[in-house]
Amino acid sequence: MNKVASIFLFVFITLVSCHKDNDDNVSNVNISLHFTHNWDGIPVSNSDFNALKFTNENGEMLSIERLRYLISDITLTNSTGESLTIDAYNLVDVTNNGNLEFSPEVLIPTDAYTNISFTFGFTNEKNIDAAYQDLNSASWFVPAMLGGGYHYIQFDGKFLNSSNIEQGFNYHAIRAVDNPGANPTFPQDTFITVNLGAVTITSNIVFNIEMNIAEWFKTPNIWDLNVFNQSLMPNSTAQIMMFENGQNVFSLKSTK
């Protein structure tokens, strides 16, 4: 994927360099985000797809057939509260083992950071209709009648419904929308800021980030696939529930 890569640096970044300055040695290094996936601790890869082998919190057996999601705006905050944001995005495609590791084309100053975060999806300001050609080509866009812009996640599969019959589900998260049509309205923000916690960066570093897929179905809303399975994009209630359940989906497993 041809990723946009630019960086907004606040005042503190101008105070650092690659050499000794004012008795402080500061280097600029590379960071990478590596994404892995599990179901309540059991590793999941695309080799586990297309089989009814997972059980959600509501007791429904389900399969995963497609899983891909967007992350953007990696942000590091230092001890004085100043932030460095990498203005870039990455479409993680678990189905095809695509973009599981994301290395922004920028250098980061070594420092003790109080938090590293990223955005799940796009912020409203960057969720601009038809703005990203690579995402358009990946059929990642949202129809104009639903507000345009782009998906946050496409998670598709099948489940055994209350009649014990296989039925499809499409767990697609977008910006929550009401009144689909020519003049849609947006009841609340549904992109997610994922905070990974404090980290000290002294050299090139890889952040190993886990997604617990099971969390999409259980906290704080126990997801009933018999009720919420398809046509969820124009359903703002479902979108807000996804936003709430997504708060604890990601975690920082380790660094290396």
Protein backbone atom coordinates (compact mmCIF):
# COMPACT_ATOMS: atom_id res chain seq x y z
CA MET A 1 0.00 0.00 0.00
CA ASN A 2 1.28 3.45 -0.84
CA LYS A 3 0.88 5.12 2.54
CA VAL A 4 0.70 8.84 3.20
CA ALA A 5 3.56 9.71 5.54
CA SER A 6 4.12 13.14 6.94
CA ILE A 7 4.65 14.29 10.49
CA PHE A 8 3.44 17.14 12.64
CA LEU A 9 6.06 18.06 15.24
CA PHE A 10 5.46 20.40 18.14
CA VAL A 11 7.99 22.75 19.66
CA PHE A 12 9.90 20.08 21.57
CA ILE A 13 10.98 18.31 18.39
CA THR A 14 12.97 21.36 17.33
CA LEU A 15 15.08 21.00 20.43
CA VAL A 16 16.49 17.60 19.51
CA SER A 17 19.09 16.50 16.97
CA CYS A 18 21.18 13.50 16.02
CA HIS A 19 24.24 14.79 17.89
CA LYS A 20 25.16 16.00 21.33
CA ASP A 21 23.41 19.29 22.12
CA ASN A 22 23.21 20.98 25.52
CA ASP A 23 24.68 17.87 27.14
CA ASP A 24 21.81 15.64 25.94
CA ASN A 25 22.31 12.84 23.45
CA VAL A 26 19.17 12.38 21.37
CA SER A 27 18.91 10.02 18.42
CA ASN A 28 16.20 9.62 15.82
CA VAL A 29 15.05 6.04 15.33
CA ASN A 30 12.54 3.91 13.47
CA ILE A 31 9.39 2.48 15.01
CA SER A 32 7.18 -0.34 13.73
CA LEU A 33 3.76 -1.61 14.79
CA HIS A 34 3.27 -5.37 14.48
CA PHE A 35 -0.31 -6.65 14.79
CA THR A 36 -1.27 -10.09 16.04
CA HIS A 37 -4.71 -11.50 16.80
CA ASN A 38 -6.23 -13.83 19.35
CA TRP A 39 -9.53 -15.08 20.68
CA ASP A 40 -9.36 -14.71 24.46
CA GLY A 41 -5.70 -15.68 24.42
CA ILE A 42 -5.80 -18.33 21.67
CA PRO A 43 -3.79 -17.12 18.64
CA VAL A 44 -5.78 -16.51 15.47
CA SER A 45 -4.47 -16.28 11.90
CA ASN A 46 -6.07 -16.68 8.49
CA SER A 47 -5.45 -20.42 8.72
CA ASP A 48 -8.24 -20.46 11.32
CA PHE A 49 -10.74 -18.80 8.99
CA ASN A 50 -13.85 -20.36 7.41
CA ALA A 51 -14.54 -22.81 10.22
CA LEU A 52 -17.10 -22.60 13.04
CA LYS A 53 -14.47 -22.77 15.77
CA PHE A 54 -15.09 -19.67 17.91
CA THR A 55 -17.77 -19.09 20.55
CA ASN A 56 -18.75 -15.56 21.54
CA GLU A 57 -19.88 -14.32 24.96
CA ASN A 58 -23.51 -14.89 23.98
CA GLY A 59 -22.80 -18.58 23.33
CA GLU A 60 -23.01 -18.44 19.53
CA MET A 61 -20.56 -20.49 17.46
CA LEU A 62 -19.09 -18.50 14.62
CA SER A 63 -16.47 -18.43 11.90
CA ILE A 64 -14.28 -15.66 10.55
CA GLU A 65 -14.20 -15.27 6.78
CA ARG A 66 -12.75 -11.78 6.40
CA LEU A 67 -11.05 -9.44 8.86
CA ARG A 68 -9.42 -6.14 7.99
CA TYR A 69 -9.26 -2.80 9.78
CA LEU A 70 -7.72 0.65 9.54
CA ILE A 71 -5.35 2.37 11.96
CA SER A 72 -4.02 5.92 11.66
CA ASP A 73 -2.37 8.82 13.50
CA ILE A 74 0.25 7.16 15.70
CA THR A 75 0.87 9.66 18.52
CA LEU A 76 3.62 9.77 21.14
CA THR A 77 3.29 12.06 24.17
CA ASN A 78 6.29 13.12 26.23
CA SER A 79 6.58 13.94 29.93
CA THR A 80 5.71 17.61 29.40
CA GLY A 81 2.49 16.74 27.59
CA GLU A 82 3.74 17.66 24.13
CA SER A 83 2.74 15.29 21.34
CA LEU A 84 4.28 14.01 18.15
CA THR A 85 1.76 12.62 15.63
CA ILE A 86 2.63 10.56 12.58
CA ASP A 87 0.06 11.47 9.96
CA ALA A 88 -0.18 8.09 8.23
CA TYR A 89 -2.55 5.14 7.97
CA ASN A 90 -2.40 1.39 7.48
CA LEU A 91 -5.07 -1.08 6.34
CA VAL A 92 -4.39 -4.31 8.24
CA ASP A 93 -5.66 -7.25 6.17
CA VAL A 94 -5.65 -10.39 8.30
CA THR A 95 -7.43 -12.40 5.60
CA ASN A 96 -4.50 -12.02 3.21
CA ASN A 97 -1.70 -11.55 5.77
CA GLY A 98 -1.35 -8.01 4.47
CA ASN A 99 0.18 -5.05 6.31
CA LEU A 100 0.44 -6.88 9.62
CA GLU A 101 3.54 -4.78 10.27
CA PHE A 102 3.51 -1.03 9.71
CA SER A 103 6.74 1.00 9.66
CA PRO A 104 6.06 4.72 9.14
CA GLU A 105 8.57 6.50 6.93
CA VAL A 106 9.59 8.95 9.64
CA LEU A 107 12.14 9.03 12.45
CA ILE A 108 11.16 9.36 16.10
CA PRO A 109 13.35 11.04 18.76
CA THR A 110 14.52 8.76 21.55
CA ASP A 111 12.73 9.71 24.76
CA ALA A 112 10.68 8.41 27.68
CA TYR A 113 7.11 8.79 26.43
CA THR A 114 4.16 8.75 28.80
CA ASN A 115 1.87 7.28 26.14
CA ILE A 116 1.77 5.93 22.63
CA SER A 117 -1.59 5.79 20.91
CA PHE A 118 -3.20 5.35 17.52
CA THR A 119 -6.63 5.95 16.03
CA PHE A 120 -8.82 3.00 15.10
CA GLY A 121 -10.28 4.24 11.82
CA PHE A 122 -9.97 7.89 10.86
CA THR A 123 -10.80 10.97 12.89
CA ASN A 124 -13.76 12.86 11.43
CA GLU A 125 -11.44 15.51 9.98
CA LYS A 126 -9.50 12.89 7.99
CA ASN A 127 -12.46 10.66 7.12
CA ILE A 128 -12.92 12.49 3.84
CA ASP A 129 -14.99 10.95 1.08
CA ALA A 130 -12.90 9.50 -1.79
CA ALA A 131 -9.69 11.14 -0.47
CA TYR A 132 -7.45 8.05 -0.48
CA GLN A 133 -7.09 6.28 -3.81
CA ASP A 134 -5.55 3.10 -2.39
CA LEU A 135 -8.47 2.70 0.03
CA ASN A 136 -10.92 3.34 -2.79
CA SER A 137 -9.25 0.58 -4.80
CA ALA A 138 -9.56 -1.74 -1.81
CA SER A 139 -13.36 -1.10 -1.69
CA TRP A 140 -12.93 0.44 1.73
CA PHE A 141 -15.18 3.45 1.12
CA VAL A 142 -18.61 4.10 2.67
CA PRO A 143 -21.56 5.08 0.43
CA ALA A 144 -22.39 8.78 0.33
CA MET A 145 -25.90 8.13 1.65
CA LEU A 146 -24.22 6.89 4.86
CA GLY A 147 -21.98 9.92 5.13
CA GLY A 148 -19.14 8.84 2.87
CA GLY A 149 -15.62 8.43 4.16
CA TYR A 150 -14.24 5.00 5.01
CA HIS A 151 -14.81 1.88 7.08
CA TYR A 152 -13.02 1.33 10.37
CA ILE A 153 -13.35 -2.49 10.26
CA GLN A 154 -14.83 -5.19 8.05
CA PHE A 155 -15.33 -8.39 10.04
CA ASP A 156 -17.39 -11.02 8.20
CA GLY A 157 -18.28 -14.60 8.95
CA LYS A 158 -21.04 -17.05 9.72
CA PHE A 159 -22.73 -18.11 12.95
CA LEU A 160 -25.19 -20.75 14.11
CA ASN A 161 -28.41 -18.87 14.73
CA SER A 162 -31.14 -19.68 17.25
CA SER A 163 -32.53 -22.26 14.79
CA ASN A 164 -29.08 -23.91 14.57
CA ILE A 165 -28.74 -22.80 10.95
CA GLU A 166 -25.62 -21.14 9.54
CA GLN A 167 -26.23 -17.46 8.86
CA GLY A 168 -23.90 -14.71 7.69
CA PHE A 169 -22.87 -11.66 9.69
CA ASN A 170 -21.13 -8.45 8.63
CA TYR A 171 -19.64 -6.61 11.59
CA HIS A 172 -18.73 -3.38 9.80
CA ALA A 173 -17.87 -0.28 11.83
CA ILE A 174 -18.11 3.21 10.34
CA ARG A 175 -18.88 6.70 11.57
CA ALA A 176 -22.29 6.34 13.27
CA VAL A 177 -25.00 7.81 11.06
CA ASP A 178 -28.70 8.64 11.30
CA ASN A 179 -31.08 9.67 8.52
CA PRO A 180 -29.30 7.89 5.66
CA GLY A 181 -29.81 9.68 2.37
CA ALA A 182 -29.06 13.10 1.01
CA ASN A 183 -28.62 14.71 4.44
CA PRO A 184 -27.27 12.15 6.92
CA THR A 185 -26.58 13.20 10.51
CA PHE A 186 -24.00 11.90 12.95
CA PRO A 187 -25.10 11.22 16.53
CA GLN A 188 -21.59 10.84 18.01
CA ASP A 189 -17.95 10.10 17.15
CA THR A 190 -17.18 6.41 16.80
CA PHE A 191 -13.50 6.35 15.85
CA ILE A 192 -11.45 5.04 18.78
CA THR A 193 -8.27 6.42 20.31
CA VAL A 194 -6.28 3.36 21.41
CA ASN A 195 -3.91 4.18 24.28
CA LEU A 196 -1.08 1.68 24.72
CA GLY A 197 0.65 3.26 27.72
CA ALA A 198 4.13 4.50 28.58
CA VAL A 199 7.23 3.46 26.68
CA THR A 200 10.90 4.43 26.67
CA ILE A 201 12.44 4.53 23.20
CA THR A 202 16.22 4.27 23.08
CA SER A 203 16.74 2.59 19.69
CA ASN A 204 14.76 1.15 16.78
CA ILE A 205 11.70 -0.51 18.27
CA VAL A 206 8.82 -2.80 17.31
CA PHE A 207 5.53 -2.55 19.20
CA ASN A 208 3.75 -5.92 19.29
CA ILE A 209 0.06 -5.06 19.44
CA GLU A 210 -2.64 -7.66 20.01
CA MET A 211 -6.29 -7.56 18.99
CA ASN A 212 -8.54 -9.79 21.09
CA ILE A 213 -11.25 -10.44 18.50
CA ALA A 214 -13.61 -11.85 21.13
CA GLU A 215 -13.82 -8.42 22.80
CA TRP A 216 -15.86 -7.08 19.89
CA PHE A 217 -18.72 -9.24 21.17
CA LYS A 218 -18.63 -8.87 24.92
CA THR A 219 -17.68 -5.71 26.83
CA PRO A 220 -19.74 -3.79 27.82
CA ASN A 221 -22.36 -5.07 25.34
CA ILE A 222 -22.91 -8.81 25.07
CA TRP A 223 -23.49 -9.09 21.35
CA ASP A 224 -26.47 -11.14 20.15
CA LEU A 225 -25.78 -12.10 16.54
CA ASN A 226 -29.42 -13.15 16.15
CA VAL A 227 -30.32 -9.47 16.60
CA PHE A 228 -27.28 -7.65 15.18
CA ASN A 229 -25.86 -9.54 12.20
CA GLN A 230 -26.26 -7.63 8.93
CA SER A 231 -27.22 -4.14 7.71
CA LEU A 232 -25.36 -2.68 10.69
CA MET A 233 -23.84 0.28 8.84
CA PRO A 234 -27.06 2.37 8.80
CA ASN A 235 -27.85 1.30 12.38
CA SER A 236 -26.43 3.98 14.69
CA THR A 237 -27.36 1.97 17.79
CA ALA A 238 -25.21 -0.92 16.57
CA GLN A 239 -22.38 1.44 15.60
CA ILE A 240 -22.30 3.01 19.06
CA MET A 241 -22.29 -0.45 20.64
CA MET A 242 -19.30 -1.36 18.44
CA PHE A 243 -17.53 1.81 19.56
CA GLU A 244 -18.15 0.87 23.20
CA ASN A 245 -17.01 -2.73 22.73
CA GLY A 246 -13.88 -1.62 20.86
CA GLN A 247 -12.41 0.27 23.80
CA ASN A 248 -10.49 -2.75 25.12
CA VAL A 249 -9.88 -4.73 21.95
CA PHE A 250 -6.23 -3.70 21.49
CA SER A 251 -3.34 -4.02 23.93
CA LEU A 252 0.44 -3.69 23.84
CA LYS A 253 1.85 -7.19 24.31
CA SER A 254 5.56 -6.38 24.18
CA THR A 255 8.28 -4.35 22.52
CA LYS A 256 11.51 -5.48 20.91
